[in-house]
Amino acid sequence: MSSESMAPEGVDLAVLTAFMDAKGLGAGSLTDLTVLTGGTQNILLKFSRSGRDYVLRRPPPKLRGNSNETMRREARVLAALAGSDVPHPGLIAASPQETMDGAAFYLMEPIDGFNPTMGLPPLHAGDPTVRNRMGFALADGIIALGRIDIARVGLETLGKTEGWLERQVPRWRAQFESYREFPTWSDEIPGVDTVGAWLDAHRPPGFRPGLIHGDYHLANVMYRHDSGELAAIVDWELASTGDPLLDLGWLMAMWPEPGQAALTPVTPWEGFPTIGEVIDHYGRNSDRDLTHIRWYGVLACYKLGIILEGSHARAGAGLAPKAIGDRLHASTLNLFQRALRWIDGAAP
């Protein structure tokens, strides 16, 4: 079987080979082609050339309106993180031009690691102390990310930081209201108005801008095989500038709670720190002020709940599987219940 026949839809090996030739990245044919999986809709293709391994990343064959801009954004962020202590895939080369079947793409270093939501290897599954370190290492990843000087690395224009705090509730409330275009959707989400009003009334007085991953949780990291340390933070498509404490708030919203189905389940869970312990660890090892951290956790519940509700709205219109829509709707309800408990004074 030829390497061309093993290439997934959307990957033009002739274009890729010509790009690598122009960049001086090896010579000859591309071998050992393997499509990587793990929940992303983007294409990940691992291959070798001249004894070196690469991973190609490009959008799915059916491009969305912002697919190429997302690829360019990811490559820009990875380039800026080079040499930092943020665990990340090393960028090798990027093609911002849309030359691969209309898509931009980039090449990165393979990651020697595993995603915990896909199953734990024996070391991690068998030792709760290793799992404990996994939880704190997750916090360490965003502690390091929060230290990035966005001006020094050229990312100050990645997003608009002026008015960032003030824009959050109106932005996501507008998203929620947009679901009314689906006539089968019901807006009965207990707490959506209460949570939005609380966020506006308790907004922090200011923040120190930094780099945000934007979707930081256990499904978007890889761990080392030999320890509980992070091998890399992955899936940078929502990276932007704003308040890095939202990444910690995202962990608060996503952290499993007793009696509730986890959005990103890891088994076994025993040994992982509580979210309160994760917050304390972040506070001890970061110079960011956690006075208003409850607000960021509530904001993350609000934002994530509204995002997930979009799948429910689309499912009701026959544009997404009903089972997935129902499951995510249940998650939305749980997120708003969690936010309401925190508003009422419960500890995260």
C-alpha atoms as a PDB file:
ATOM      1  CA  MET A   1       0.000   0.000   0.000  1.00  0.00           C
ATOM      2  CA  SER A   2       1.419   3.402  -0.941  1.00  0.00           C
ATOM      3  CA  SER A   3       1.788   6.217   1.564  1.00  0.00           C
ATOM      4  CA  GLU A   4      -0.579   8.303  -0.560  1.00  0.00           C
ATOM      5  CA  SER A   5      -3.366   5.753  -0.148  1.00  0.00           C
ATOM      6  CA  MET A   6      -2.935   5.855   3.636  1.00  0.00           C
ATOM      7  CA  ALA A   7      -3.294   9.632   3.884  1.00  0.00           C
ATOM      8  CA  PRO A   8      -6.609  10.707   5.430  1.00  0.00           C
ATOM      9  CA  GLU A   9      -9.074  12.892   3.591  1.00  0.00           C
ATOM     10  CA  GLY A  10      -7.846  16.469   3.521  1.00  0.00           C
ATOM     11  CA  VAL A  11      -4.122  15.626   3.583  1.00  0.00           C
ATOM     12  CA  ASP A  12      -2.342  16.181   0.283  1.00  0.00           C
ATOM     13  CA  LEU A  13       1.026  14.497   0.635  1.00  0.00           C
ATOM     14  CA  ALA A  14       2.383  16.189  -2.492  1.00  0.00           C
ATOM     15  CA  VAL A  15       1.667  19.600  -0.965  1.00  0.00           C
ATOM     16  CA  LEU A  16       3.143  18.492   2.357  1.00  0.00           C
ATOM     17  CA  THR A  17       6.274  17.112   0.714  1.00  0.00           C
ATOM     18  CA  ALA A  18       6.811  20.275  -1.307  1.00  0.00           C
ATOM     19  CA  PHE A  19       6.370  22.395   1.837  1.00  0.00           C
ATOM     20  CA  MET A  20       8.916  20.311   3.730  1.00  0.00           C
ATOM     21  CA  ASP A  21      11.351  20.455   0.828  1.00  0.00           C
ATOM     22  CA  ALA A  22      11.112  24.243   0.821  1.00  0.00           C
ATOM     23  CA  LYS A  23      11.775  24.318   4.578  1.00  0.00           C
ATOM     24  CA  GLY A  24      14.694  21.871   4.370  1.00  0.00           C
ATOM     25  CA  LEU A  25      12.893  19.296   6.495  1.00  0.00           C
ATOM     26  CA  GLY A  26      14.371  16.015   5.379  1.00  0.00           C
ATOM     27  CA  ALA A  27      14.258  14.380   1.973  1.00  0.00           C
ATOM     28  CA  GLY A  28      12.517  11.531   0.235  1.00  0.00           C
ATOM     29  CA  SER A  29       9.187   9.907   0.956  1.00  0.00           C
ATOM     30  CA  LEU A  30       6.952  10.256   4.002  1.00  0.00           C
ATOM     31  CA  THR A  31       6.658   6.983   5.898  1.00  0.00           C
ATOM     32  CA  ASP A  32       4.864   5.392   8.846  1.00  0.00           C
ATOM     33  CA  LEU A  33       1.718   7.450   8.397  1.00  0.00           C
ATOM     34  CA  THR A  34      -0.595   7.154  11.421  1.00  0.00           C
ATOM     35  CA  VAL A  35      -3.783   9.101  12.066  1.00  0.00           C
ATOM     36  CA  LEU A  36      -3.901  10.161  15.716  1.00  0.00           C
ATOM     37  CA  THR A  37      -7.199  10.196  17.580  1.00  0.00           C
ATOM     38  CA  GLY A  38      -8.334  11.727  20.822  1.00  0.00           C
ATOM     39  CA  GLY A  39     -11.525  13.716  20.475  1.00  0.00           C
ATOM     40  CA  THR A  40     -10.379  16.595  18.289  1.00  0.00           C
ATOM     41  CA  GLN A  41     -12.177  17.315  15.027  1.00  0.00           C
ATOM     42  CA  ASN A  42      -8.941  18.523  13.504  1.00  0.00           C
ATOM     43  CA  ILE A  43      -6.728  16.135  11.545  1.00  0.00           C
ATOM     44  CA  LEU A  44      -3.604  14.887  13.304  1.00  0.00           C
ATOM     45  CA  LEU A  45      -1.251  12.799  11.171  1.00  0.00           C
ATOM     46  CA  LYS A  46       1.981  11.398  12.544  1.00  0.00           C
ATOM     47  CA  PHE A  47       4.656  10.425  10.030  1.00  0.00           C
ATOM     48  CA  SER A  48       8.405  10.119   9.548  1.00  0.00           C
ATOM     49  CA  ARG A  49      10.879  11.555   7.088  1.00  0.00           C
ATOM     50  CA  SER A  50      14.636  11.083   7.028  1.00  0.00           C
ATOM     51  CA  GLY A  51      14.555   9.482  10.468  1.00  0.00           C
ATOM     52  CA  ARG A  52      12.622  12.299  12.160  1.00  0.00           C
ATOM     53  CA  ASP A  53       9.025  12.094  13.393  1.00  0.00           C
ATOM     54  CA  TYR A  54       6.476  14.824  12.761  1.00  0.00           C
ATOM     55  CA  VAL A  55       2.821  15.517  13.489  1.00  0.00           C
ATOM     56  CA  LEU A  56       0.760  17.406  10.932  1.00  0.00           C
ATOM     57  CA  ARG A  57      -2.224  19.382  12.225  1.00  0.00           C
ATOM     58  CA  ARG A  58      -4.852  20.863   9.931  1.00  0.00           C
ATOM     59  CA  PRO A  59      -8.597  21.585  10.134  1.00  0.00           C
ATOM     60  CA  PRO A  60     -11.182  18.933   9.226  1.00  0.00           C
ATOM     61  CA  PRO A  61     -11.896  18.417   5.518  1.00  0.00           C
ATOM     62  CA  LYS A  62     -15.147  20.373   5.802  1.00  0.00           C
ATOM     63  CA  LEU A  63     -13.802  23.755   6.801  1.00  0.00           C
ATOM     64  CA  ARG A  64     -15.664  26.078   9.123  1.00  0.00           C
ATOM     65  CA  GLY A  65     -15.632  29.823   8.701  1.00  0.00           C
ATOM     66  CA  ASN A  66     -12.781  30.323  11.169  1.00  0.00           C
ATOM     67  CA  SER A  67     -10.878  27.058  10.632  1.00  0.00           C
ATOM     68  CA  ASN A  68      -7.842  28.560   8.961  1.00  0.00           C
ATOM     69  CA  GLU A  69      -7.609  31.486  11.313  1.00  0.00           C
ATOM     70  CA  THR A  70      -7.678  28.983  14.164  1.00  0.00           C
ATOM     71  CA  MET A  71      -4.734  27.069  12.659  1.00  0.00           C
ATOM     72  CA  ARG A  72      -2.761  30.285  12.262  1.00  0.00           C
ATOM     73  CA  ARG A  73      -3.596  31.263  15.842  1.00  0.00           C
ATOM     74  CA  GLU A  74      -2.451  27.900  17.223  1.00  0.00           C
ATOM     75  CA  ALA A  75       0.832  28.064  15.321  1.00  0.00           C
ATOM     76  CA  ARG A  76       1.412  31.632  16.512  1.00  0.00           C
ATOM     77  CA  VAL A  77       0.879  30.624  20.141  1.00  0.00           C
ATOM     78  CA  LEU A  78       3.131  27.563  19.925  1.00  0.00           C
ATOM     79  CA  ALA A  79       5.862  29.649  18.315  1.00  0.00           C
ATOM     80  CA  ALA A  80       5.584  32.188  21.135  1.00  0.00           C
ATOM     81  CA  LEU A  81       5.835  29.472  23.807  1.00  0.00           C
ATOM     82  CA  ALA A  82       9.155  28.137  22.466  1.00  0.00           C
ATOM     83  CA  GLY A  83      11.773  28.138  25.210  1.00  0.00           C
ATOM     84  CA  SER A  84       9.239  28.702  27.997  1.00  0.00           C
ATOM     85  CA  ASP A  85       8.504  26.352  30.891  1.00  0.00           C
ATOM     86  CA  VAL A  86       4.948  25.821  29.639  1.00  0.00           C
ATOM     87  CA  PRO A  87       4.646  22.169  28.519  1.00  0.00           C
ATOM     88  CA  HIS A  88       3.562  22.346  24.890  1.00  0.00           C
ATOM     89  CA  PRO A  89       4.113  20.664  21.513  1.00  0.00           C
ATOM     90  CA  GLY A  90       7.169  22.136  19.832  1.00  0.00           C
ATOM     91  CA  LEU A  91       6.330  23.963  16.612  1.00  0.00           C
ATOM     92  CA  ILE A  92       8.483  22.846  13.678  1.00  0.00           C
ATOM     93  CA  ALA A  93       7.058  24.868  10.793  1.00  0.00           C
ATOM     94  CA  ALA A  94       3.748  26.436   9.791  1.00  0.00           C
ATOM     95  CA  SER A  95       2.027  27.155   6.513  1.00  0.00           C
ATOM     96  CA  PRO A  96      -0.323  30.104   7.069  1.00  0.00           C
ATOM     97  CA  GLN A  97      -1.200  29.953   3.384  1.00  0.00           C
ATOM     98  CA  GLU A  98      -4.256  27.824   2.618  1.00  0.00           C
ATOM     99  CA  THR A  99      -2.422  25.450   0.311  1.00  0.00           C
ATOM    100  CA  MET A 100      -3.630  22.046   1.513  1.00  0.00           C
ATOM    101  CA  ASP A 101      -7.082  21.600  -0.005  1.00  0.00           C
ATOM    102  CA  GLY A 102      -7.897  25.154   1.062  1.00  0.00           C
ATOM    103  CA  ALA A 103      -6.468  24.784   4.553  1.00  0.00           C
ATOM    104  CA  ALA A 104      -3.610  26.256   6.546  1.00  0.00           C
ATOM    105  CA  PHE A 105      -1.578  23.722   8.529  1.00  0.00           C
ATOM    106  CA  TYR A 106       1.475  23.269  10.685  1.00  0.00           C
ATOM    107  CA  LEU A 107       3.989  20.654  11.751  1.00  0.00           C
ATOM    108  CA  MET A 108       4.841  19.982  15.383  1.00  0.00           C
ATOM    109  CA  GLU A 109       6.954  17.609  17.427  1.00  0.00           C
ATOM    110  CA  PRO A 110       5.235  14.392  18.562  1.00  0.00           C
ATOM    111  CA  ILE A 111       4.413  14.204  22.268  1.00  0.00           C
ATOM    112  CA  ASP A 112       5.633  11.230  24.262  1.00  0.00           C
ATOM    113  CA  GLY A 113       2.672  11.022  26.597  1.00  0.00           C
ATOM    114  CA  PHE A 114      -0.921   9.943  27.128  1.00  0.00           C
ATOM    115  CA  ASN A 115      -4.266  11.586  27.700  1.00  0.00           C
ATOM    116  CA  PRO A 116      -5.778  10.500  31.032  1.00  0.00           C
ATOM    117  CA  THR A 117      -9.370  10.493  29.795  1.00  0.00           C
ATOM    118  CA  MET A 118      -8.423   7.744  27.336  1.00  0.00           C
ATOM    119  CA  GLY A 119      -7.267   5.471  30.156  1.00  0.00           C
ATOM    120  CA  LEU A 120      -4.440   5.428  32.690  1.00  0.00           C
ATOM    121  CA  PRO A 121      -1.340   3.254  32.217  1.00  0.00           C
ATOM    122  CA  PRO A 122      -0.439   0.837  35.029  1.00  0.00           C
ATOM    123  CA  LEU A 123       1.852   3.247  36.913  1.00  0.00           C
ATOM    124  CA  HIS A 124      -0.813   5.936  37.154  1.00  0.00           C
ATOM    125  CA  ALA A 125      -3.763   3.581  37.606  1.00  0.00           C
ATOM    126  CA  GLY A 126      -2.016   1.705  40.388  1.00  0.00           C
ATOM    127  CA  ASP A 127      -0.648   4.533  42.541  1.00  0.00           C
ATOM    128  CA  PRO A 128      -2.873   7.225  44.128  1.00  0.00           C
ATOM    129  CA  THR A 129       0.188   9.322  44.956  1.00  0.00           C
ATOM    130  CA  VAL A 130       0.983   9.560  41.243  1.00  0.00           C
ATOM    131  CA  ARG A 131      -2.609  10.617  40.584  1.00  0.00           C
ATOM    132  CA  ASN A 132      -2.300  13.200  43.326  1.00  0.00           C
ATOM    133  CA  ARG A 133       0.694  14.692  41.539  1.00  0.00           C
ATOM    134  CA  MET A 134      -1.260  14.629  38.268  1.00  0.00           C
ATOM    135  CA  GLY A 135      -3.796  17.009  39.779  1.00  0.00           C
ATOM    136  CA  PHE A 136      -1.213  19.465  41.032  1.00  0.00           C
ATOM    137  CA  ALA A 137       0.763  19.227  37.794  1.00  0.00           C
ATOM    138  CA  LEU A 138      -2.396  20.318  36.002  1.00  0.00           C
ATOM    139  CA  ALA A 139      -2.392  23.479  38.104  1.00  0.00           C
ATOM    140  CA  ASP A 140       1.324  23.967  37.454  1.00  0.00           C
ATOM    141  CA  GLY A 141       0.631  24.067  33.724  1.00  0.00           C
ATOM    142  CA  ILE A 142      -1.549  27.164  33.968  1.00  0.00           C
ATOM    143  CA  ILE A 143       0.675  28.713  36.628  1.00  0.00           C
ATOM    144  CA  ALA A 144       3.476  28.635  34.046  1.00  0.00           C
ATOM    145  CA  LEU A 145       1.122  29.874  31.336  1.00  0.00           C
ATOM    146  CA  GLY A 146       0.063  32.792  33.512  1.00  0.00           C
ATOM    147  CA  ARG A 147       3.699  33.894  33.814  1.00  0.00           C
ATOM    148  CA  ILE A 148       4.107  34.402  30.055  1.00  0.00           C
ATOM    149  CA  ASP A 149       4.811  38.053  29.246  1.00  0.00           C
ATOM    150  CA  ILE A 150       2.473  38.490  26.296  1.00  0.00           C
ATOM    151  CA  ALA A 151       4.177  41.676  25.121  1.00  0.00           C
ATOM    152  CA  ARG A 152       7.643  40.116  25.182  1.00  0.00           C
ATOM    153  CA  VAL A 153       6.551  37.110  23.121  1.00  0.00           C
ATOM    154  CA  GLY A 154       4.495  39.171  20.668  1.00  0.00           C
ATOM    155  CA  LEU A 155       1.028  38.007  21.688  1.00  0.00           C
ATOM    156  CA  GLU A 156      -0.385  41.272  23.013  1.00  0.00           C
ATOM    157  CA  THR A 157      -2.643  41.518  19.941  1.00  0.00           C
ATOM    158  CA  LEU A 158      -3.911  37.924  20.152  1.00  0.00           C
ATOM    159  CA  GLY A 159      -7.080  39.188  21.829  1.00  0.00           C
ATOM    160  CA  LYS A 160      -8.626  42.394  23.116  1.00  0.00           C
ATOM    161  CA  THR A 161      -7.845  42.848  26.808  1.00  0.00           C
ATOM    162  CA  GLU A 162      -9.423  46.276  27.265  1.00  0.00           C
ATOM    163  CA  GLY A 163     -12.881  45.788  28.764  1.00  0.00           C
ATOM    164  CA  TRP A 164     -12.347  42.027  28.981  1.00  0.00           C
ATOM    165  CA  LEU A 165     -14.077  41.652  32.355  1.00  0.00           C
ATOM    166  CA  GLU A 166     -17.030  43.816  31.333  1.00  0.00           C
ATOM    167  CA  ARG A 167     -17.597  41.903  28.090  1.00  0.00           C
ATOM    168  CA  GLN A 168     -17.941  38.428  29.570  1.00  0.00           C
ATOM    169  CA  VAL A 169     -21.581  38.304  30.663  1.00  0.00           C
ATOM    170  CA  PRO A 170     -23.022  40.233  27.671  1.00  0.00           C
ATOM    171  CA  ARG A 171     -20.994  38.092  25.270  1.00  0.00           C
ATOM    172  CA  TRP A 172     -22.256  34.780  26.622  1.00  0.00           C
ATOM    173  CA  ARG A 173     -25.777  35.993  27.305  1.00  0.00           C
ATOM    174  CA  ALA A 174     -25.973  36.938  23.615  1.00  0.00           C
ATOM    175  CA  GLN A 175     -24.809  33.434  22.740  1.00  0.00           C
ATOM    176  CA  PHE A 176     -27.553  31.993  24.928  1.00  0.00           C
ATOM    177  CA  GLU A 177     -30.193  34.186  23.289  1.00  0.00           C
ATOM    178  CA  SER A 178     -29.009  33.135  19.827  1.00  0.00           C
ATOM    179  CA  TYR A 179     -30.352  29.628  20.434  1.00  0.00           C
ATOM    180  CA  ARG A 180     -33.871  31.014  20.035  1.00  0.00           C
ATOM    181  CA  GLU A 181     -33.383  30.595  16.301  1.00  0.00           C
ATOM    182  CA  PHE A 182     -34.129  26.918  16.964  1.00  0.00           C
ATOM    183  CA  PRO A 183     -37.919  26.797  17.481  1.00  0.00           C
ATOM    184  CA  THR A 184     -37.756  23.479  19.379  1.00  0.00           C
ATOM    185  CA  TRP A 185     -35.378  24.836  22.034  1.00  0.00           C
ATOM    186  CA  SER A 186     -36.596  25.724  25.518  1.00  0.00           C
ATOM    187  CA  ASP A 187     -34.648  28.295  27.543  1.00  0.00           C
ATOM    188  CA  GLU A 188     -35.531  26.723  30.894  1.00  0.00           C
ATOM    189  CA  ILE A 189     -32.109  26.786  32.527  1.00  0.00           C
ATOM    190  CA  PRO A 190     -32.627  27.493  36.234  1.00  0.00           C
ATOM    191  CA  GLY A 191     -30.193  30.124  37.407  1.00  0.00           C
ATOM    192  CA  VAL A 192     -29.114  31.619  34.096  1.00  0.00           C
ATOM    193  CA  ASP A 193     -30.445  35.079  34.987  1.00  0.00           C
ATOM    194  CA  THR A 194     -29.357  34.880  38.621  1.00  0.00           C
ATOM    195  CA  VAL A 195     -25.821  33.815  37.747  1.00  0.00           C
ATOM    196  CA  GLY A 196     -25.449  36.493  35.073  1.00  0.00           C
ATOM    197  CA  ALA A 197     -26.675  39.213  37.434  1.00  0.00           C
ATOM    198  CA  TRP A 198     -24.327  38.025  40.210  1.00  0.00           C
ATOM    199  CA  LEU A 199     -21.359  38.069  37.845  1.00  0.00           C
ATOM    200  CA  ASP A 200     -22.102  41.643  36.800  1.00  0.00           C
ATOM    201  CA  ALA A 201     -22.596  42.753  40.391  1.00  0.00           C
ATOM    202  CA  HIS A 202     -19.425  41.093  41.730  1.00  0.00           C
ATOM    203  CA  ARG A 203     -17.034  41.739  38.866  1.00  0.00           C
ATOM    204  CA  PRO A 204     -13.397  42.081  40.008  1.00  0.00           C
ATOM    205  CA  PRO A 205     -12.142  45.682  39.901  1.00  0.00           C
ATOM    206  CA  GLY A 206      -9.331  44.829  37.490  1.00  0.00           C
ATOM    207  CA  PHE A 207      -6.918  42.189  36.272  1.00  0.00           C
ATOM    208  CA  ARG A 208      -3.415  41.662  34.909  1.00  0.00           C
ATOM    209  CA  PRO A 209      -3.637  40.561  31.262  1.00  0.00           C
ATOM    210  CA  GLY A 210      -1.992  37.341  30.234  1.00  0.00           C
ATOM    211  CA  LEU A 211      -2.309  34.304  28.006  1.00  0.00           C
ATOM    212  CA  ILE A 212      -5.339  32.016  28.398  1.00  0.00           C
ATOM    213  CA  HIS A 213      -5.591  28.487  27.037  1.00  0.00           C
ATOM    214  CA  GLY A 214      -9.363  28.823  26.904  1.00  0.00           C
ATOM    215  CA  ASP A 215     -10.403  25.180  27.354  1.00  0.00           C
ATOM    216  CA  TYR A 216      -8.145  23.886  30.081  1.00  0.00           C
ATOM    217  CA  HIS A 217      -9.043  20.515  31.573  1.00  0.00           C
ATOM    218  CA  LEU A 218      -7.904  16.903  31.735  1.00  0.00           C
ATOM    219  CA  ALA A 219      -8.927  16.079  28.160  1.00  0.00           C
ATOM    220  CA  ASN A 220      -6.618  18.777  26.781  1.00  0.00           C
ATOM    221  CA  VAL A 221      -3.360  17.726  28.407  1.00  0.00           C
ATOM    222  CA  MET A 222      -0.976  14.805  28.039  1.00  0.00           C
ATOM    223  CA  TYR A 223       1.009  13.263  30.869  1.00  0.00           C
ATOM    224  CA  ARG A 224       4.413  11.642  30.955  1.00  0.00           C
ATOM    225  CA  HIS A 225       4.461   7.844  31.006  1.00  0.00           C
ATOM    226  CA  ASP A 226       6.995   7.729  33.853  1.00  0.00           C
ATOM    227  CA  SER A 227       5.460  10.197  36.334  1.00  0.00           C
ATOM    228  CA  GLY A 228       2.511  12.410  37.169  1.00  0.00           C
ATOM    229  CA  GLU A 229       4.038  15.405  35.362  1.00  0.00           C
ATOM    230  CA  LEU A 230       2.578  17.043  32.286  1.00  0.00           C
ATOM    231  CA  ALA A 231       4.126  16.163  28.951  1.00  0.00           C
ATOM    232  CA  ALA A 232       2.216  18.859  27.064  1.00  0.00           C
ATOM    233  CA  ILE A 233      -0.829  21.099  27.035  1.00  0.00           C
ATOM    234  CA  VAL A 234      -2.609  20.527  23.718  1.00  0.00           C
ATOM    235  CA  ASP A 235      -5.498  21.925  21.629  1.00  0.00           C
ATOM    236  CA  TRP A 236      -4.669  25.630  21.662  1.00  0.00           C
ATOM    237  CA  GLU A 237      -7.478  26.630  19.288  1.00  0.00           C
ATOM    238  CA  LEU A 238      -9.223  28.844  21.876  1.00  0.00           C
ATOM    239  CA  ALA A 239      -6.057  30.519  23.158  1.00  0.00           C
ATOM    240  CA  SER A 240      -6.401  34.246  23.658  1.00  0.00           C
ATOM    241  CA  THR A 241      -5.361  37.091  25.899  1.00  0.00           C
ATOM    242  CA  GLY A 242      -7.409  38.077  28.928  1.00  0.00           C
ATOM    243  CA  ASP A 243      -7.303  37.087  32.585  1.00  0.00           C
ATOM    244  CA  PRO A 244      -5.404  33.794  33.085  1.00  0.00           C
ATOM    245  CA  LEU A 245      -7.461  33.128  36.213  1.00  0.00           C
ATOM    246  CA  LEU A 246     -10.255  31.999  33.910  1.00  0.00           C
ATOM    247  CA  ASP A 247      -8.203  28.859  33.183  1.00  0.00           C
ATOM    248  CA  LEU A 248      -8.242  28.092  36.916  1.00  0.00           C
ATOM    249  CA  GLY A 249     -11.955  28.876  36.974  1.00  0.00           C
ATOM    250  CA  TRP A 250     -12.371  26.398  34.099  1.00  0.00           C
ATOM    251  CA  LEU A 251     -10.746  23.684  36.203  1.00  0.00           C
ATOM    252  CA  MET A 252     -13.149  24.575  39.020  1.00  0.00           C
ATOM    253  CA  ALA A 253     -16.129  24.168  36.691  1.00  0.00           C
ATOM    254  CA  MET A 254     -14.867  20.910  35.177  1.00  0.00           C
ATOM    255  CA  TRP A 255     -13.593  19.188  38.345  1.00  0.00           C
ATOM    256  CA  PRO A 256     -15.608  16.058  39.183  1.00  0.00           C
ATOM    257  CA  GLU A 257     -18.094  16.312  42.047  1.00  0.00           C
ATOM    258  CA  PRO A 258     -19.548  13.376  44.012  1.00  0.00           C
ATOM    259  CA  GLY A 259     -22.763  12.100  42.533  1.00  0.00           C
ATOM    260  CA  GLN A 260     -22.380  13.874  39.196  1.00  0.00           C
ATOM    261  CA  ALA A 261     -21.151  12.533  35.882  1.00  0.00           C
ATOM    262  CA  ALA A 262     -17.790  14.073  35.044  1.00  0.00           C
ATOM    263  CA  LEU A 263     -17.462  15.952  31.770  1.00  0.00           C
ATOM    264  CA  THR A 264     -13.956  14.514  31.381  1.00  0.00           C
ATOM    265  CA  PRO A 265     -13.927  11.294  33.449  1.00  0.00           C
ATOM    266  CA  VAL A 266     -10.695   9.730  34.639  1.00  0.00           C
ATOM    267  CA  THR A 267     -10.684   6.308  36.302  1.00  0.00           C
ATOM    268  CA  PRO A 268      -9.653   5.648  39.002  1.00  0.00           C
ATOM    269  CA  TRP A 269     -10.149   9.098  40.548  1.00  0.00           C
ATOM    270  CA  GLU A 270      -9.059   8.270  44.102  1.00  0.00           C
ATOM    271  CA  GLY A 271      -5.873  10.178  44.953  1.00  0.00           C
ATOM    272  CA  PHE A 272      -6.550  13.263  42.856  1.00  0.00           C
ATOM    273  CA  PRO A 273      -6.576  16.411  45.007  1.00  0.00           C
ATOM    274  CA  THR A 274      -9.812  18.241  45.693  1.00  0.00           C
ATOM    275  CA  ILE A 275     -10.436  21.385  43.697  1.00  0.00           C
ATOM    276  CA  GLY A 276      -9.929  23.359  46.902  1.00  0.00           C
ATOM    277  CA  GLU A 277      -6.445  21.849  47.217  1.00  0.00           C
ATOM    278  CA  VAL A 278      -5.752  22.694  43.566  1.00  0.00           C
ATOM    279  CA  ILE A 279      -6.772  26.319  44.164  1.00  0.00           C
ATOM    280  CA  ASP A 280      -4.565  26.490  47.266  1.00  0.00           C
ATOM    281  CA  HIS A 281      -1.635  25.066  45.272  1.00  0.00           C
ATOM    282  CA  TYR A 282      -2.154  27.672  42.575  1.00  0.00           C
ATOM    283  CA  GLY A 283      -2.244  30.430  45.187  1.00  0.00           C
ATOM    284  CA  ARG A 284       0.999  29.297  46.825  1.00  0.00           C
ATOM    285  CA  ASN A 285       2.877  29.050  43.529  1.00  0.00           C
ATOM    286  CA  SER A 286       1.546  32.012  41.558  1.00  0.00           C
ATOM    287  CA  ASP A 287       1.762  35.744  42.126  1.00  0.00           C
ATOM    288  CA  ARG A 288      -1.810  36.264  40.918  1.00  0.00           C
ATOM    289  CA  ASP A 289      -4.393  37.493  43.422  1.00  0.00           C
ATOM    290  CA  LEU A 290      -7.048  34.867  44.136  1.00  0.00           C
ATOM    291  CA  THR A 291      -9.330  37.173  46.127  1.00  0.00           C
ATOM    292  CA  HIS A 292     -12.023  36.902  43.452  1.00  0.00           C
ATOM    293  CA  ILE A 293     -11.398  33.307  42.352  1.00  0.00           C
ATOM    294  CA  ARG A 294     -15.000  32.335  43.141  1.00  0.00           C
ATOM    295  CA  TRP A 295     -16.089  34.826  40.443  1.00  0.00           C
ATOM    296  CA  TYR A 296     -13.902  33.084  37.852  1.00  0.00           C
ATOM    297  CA  GLY A 297     -15.316  29.692  38.783  1.00  0.00           C
ATOM    298  CA  VAL A 298     -18.872  31.004  38.455  1.00  0.00           C
ATOM    299  CA  LEU A 299     -17.991  32.672  35.136  1.00  0.00           C
ATOM    300  CA  ALA A 300     -16.570  29.393  33.840  1.00  0.00           C
ATOM    301  CA  CYS A 301     -19.781  27.548  34.800  1.00  0.00           C
ATOM    302  CA  TYR A 302     -21.830  30.258  33.077  1.00  0.00           C
ATOM    303  CA  LYS A 303     -19.745  30.268  29.894  1.00  0.00           C
ATOM    304  CA  LEU A 304     -19.313  26.498  29.627  1.00  0.00           C
ATOM    305  CA  GLY A 305     -22.948  25.810  30.444  1.00  0.00           C
ATOM    306  CA  ILE A 306     -24.090  28.163  27.688  1.00  0.00           C
ATOM    307  CA  ILE A 307     -21.656  26.624  25.197  1.00  0.00           C
ATOM    308  CA  LEU A 308     -22.855  23.088  25.963  1.00  0.00           C
ATOM    309  CA  GLU A 309     -26.487  24.166  25.728  1.00  0.00           C
ATOM    310  CA  GLY A 310     -25.844  25.025  22.091  1.00  0.00           C
ATOM    311  CA  SER A 311     -25.496  21.319  21.298  1.00  0.00           C
ATOM    312  CA  HIS A 312     -28.813  20.666  23.017  1.00  0.00           C
ATOM    313  CA  ALA A 313     -30.489  23.384  20.969  1.00  0.00           C
ATOM    314  CA  ARG A 314     -29.047  22.012  17.739  1.00  0.00           C
ATOM    315  CA  ALA A 315     -30.003  18.455  18.677  1.00  0.00           C
ATOM    316  CA  GLY A 316     -33.611  19.503  19.133  1.00  0.00           C
ATOM    317  CA  ALA A 317     -33.544  20.808  15.566  1.00  0.00           C
ATOM    318  CA  GLY A 318     -32.083  17.546  14.267  1.00  0.00           C
ATOM    319  CA  LEU A 319     -28.643  19.072  13.675  1.00  0.00           C
ATOM    320  CA  ALA A 320     -26.832  16.995  16.321  1.00  0.00           C
ATOM    321  CA  PRO A 321     -27.408  13.555  17.891  1.00  0.00           C
ATOM    322  CA  LYS A 322     -30.209  13.675  20.466  1.00  0.00           C
ATOM    323  CA  ALA A 323     -28.318  11.513  22.972  1.00  0.00           C
ATOM    324  CA  ILE A 324     -25.380  13.914  22.961  1.00  0.00           C
ATOM    325  CA  GLY A 325     -27.677  16.917  23.228  1.00  0.00           C
ATOM    326  CA  ASP A 326     -29.493  15.415  26.208  1.00  0.00           C
ATOM    327  CA  ARG A 327     -26.237  14.526  27.962  1.00  0.00           C
ATOM    328  CA  LEU A 328     -24.785  18.000  27.495  1.00  0.00           C
ATOM    329  CA  HIS A 329     -28.033  19.615  28.606  1.00  0.00           C
ATOM    330  CA  ALA A 330     -27.756  17.652  31.853  1.00  0.00           C
ATOM    331  CA  SER A 331     -24.198  18.951  32.203  1.00  0.00           C
ATOM    332  CA  THR A 332     -25.431  22.514  31.671  1.00  0.00           C
ATOM    333  CA  LEU A 333     -27.975  22.090  34.476  1.00  0.00           C
ATOM    334  CA  ASN A 334     -25.259  20.710  36.775  1.00  0.00           C
ATOM    335  CA  LEU A 335     -22.928  23.602  35.967  1.00  0.00           C
ATOM    336  CA  PHE A 336     -25.558  26.196  36.839  1.00  0.00           C
ATOM    337  CA  GLN A 337     -26.410  24.322  40.032  1.00  0.00           C
ATOM    338  CA  ARG A 338     -22.721  24.417  40.929  1.00  0.00           C
ATOM    339  CA  ALA A 339     -22.538  28.140  40.183  1.00  0.00           C
ATOM    340  CA  LEU A 340     -25.603  28.816  42.346  1.00  0.00           C
ATOM    341  CA  ARG A 341     -24.065  26.912  45.266  1.00  0.00           C
ATOM    342  CA  TRP A 342     -20.902  29.000  45.013  1.00  0.00           C
ATOM    343  CA  ILE A 343     -22.934  32.183  44.819  1.00  0.00           C
ATOM    344  CA  ASP A 344     -24.719  31.105  48.003  1.00  0.00           C
ATOM    345  CA  GLY A 345     -21.369  30.717  49.755  1.00  0.00           C
ATOM    346  CA  ALA A 346     -20.489  27.050  49.332  1.00  0.00           C
ATOM    347  CA  ALA A 347     -16.775  26.373  49.093  1.00  0.00           C
ATOM    348  CA  PRO A 348     -15.475  25.248  45.687  1.00  0.00           C
END
